[in-house]
Amino acid sequence: MGFKDLIELKKRENRLILILVIWLLVGFTAVQFRTTRNIGIVMFLPLLGILIILFLVSLIFKKDLKKMTFKSIVKYCLLAIPLFVIFTALILFAVLFLVVISILSYIFITSLYTLHNCYKWGVDLDEKLYKLPKLLNFLLRIISFFGGFALSVIIMLLIANIGFNWYIIPEEVLTGLGVIPLFMITLFTLLFFVCLLFLFVGKFNAWLGIFLIYVSVYASYLILKASLSLIESEESTLALPIQIILYFFDLFLLLVTMGGLIGKKTDIISKKLKFLKPEVIIIWLIFSKSAYEFSLAFPKENFGSITVSFSFIVFIPLFLFISFYGIYNYFKLKKQRKKKKKAKKLKRKEIEVIKIVKEEKLEVEKLENSIKQYLKDDSLICPSCLISIKKGANFCHKCGSEIK
């Protein structure tokens, strides 16, 4: 899921990344709640500055961040101060540009990674159900497909009900937040009927039901997050518990995304993008998340509302892309399943043949041993079990057959 790779941060060479991640998590926690929001903003300001410096130092001067000492980091930060004073306007423009790009990239990376995980979890669960006995796997896959679609629609209807009736949200926002879940239900229904059509050609996309449940939960999170960012009233008994739930969900997404980009996956991305080192990718992710949360901390008339709106603009096309990709990719999955089935059958046949050969070999060995024994001490051979018995015996001492 990504959590396992977070252990990589314990390594000595990742100590700088670990400090920055802890700083991000503390600032992220503080900025989620009104009482501590200003503390979070104050924490994010120096963090954003340090992250920009580290990113540029690594990108432009090709410095290895893993080998950088605390003194060298302080030195680069101090050198950046006079440059900032001299080229204030240019640097402010560059910083603002980087912040905007980082926010957009964070929204894209998080949405893509989360939706891909939703797809992967749906396919993995469907794969487990598929491996069950034939009648049971068909029954459970039918339940997961139809039940998953029904449950995802129910979740969206509940969120739509909140959107239309939540009294603490301004009236001009109510309609938008209430309509988005209904729009999602329309998309769910479209995908559901597309998969039903594929049933006629023997392609049962049972994974879609589970996928839609995960997507509906993620969509609910985005809608509630948007609602809270657009609330003007500061006195609300409903806002705090919902904020706490969203905080833990957001923390989960952050750790899963970060865990997924640490370790081997970062090295793979770095090899494909030759100009970026693995640690630069991690620094960029921390910077983009910090910039994203920093933008949400402002009142709705500022950058926060634009950020939230863009989340939906990115989420919906990505959702459709991954859904249709999954439906198309299911043809390949089905072929792989058939190949695996054939391979299993061949293995079973091989095992059966090996077993028969071994049994025949044992019989031959028994016969050889019996003949040797017979030639050695003039004993008899039992015609039933082919073992040697003493001459003059009327019955075999092993199988009890009569010796004539």
Foldseek 3Di string as FASTA:
>chain_A
DLLVLVVVCVDLLNVVLVVLVVLLLVLLVQCLDPVRNVVSLVSLVVSLLLLVLVLCCCLPVVDRSSPDDPVVSVVSSVVVVVVCVVPVVVVVVVSVVLLVVLQLVLLQLLLLVLLVVLLVVLVVVLVVLVPPPDVRSVVVLVCLQVVLLVLLLVLLQVQLCCLQPVVQFDPVRSVVLNVVSVVVNVVSVVLSVVQVVCVVVVQHPSSSSSSSNSVSVVVSLLSLLLRLLRGPDPDDPPNVVVSVVSSVVVVVSLSNSLSCLGDPNLVVVCVVVVSDDSVSVSSSNSSSSSSLSSQSSDHCVDRNNVSSVVSVVSNPVSNVVVSVVSSVCSVVVVVVVVVVVVVVVVVVVVVVVVVVVVVVVVLVVQQVVQVVVCVVPVFDADPPSGHTDHPPDQADPPPGHGDD
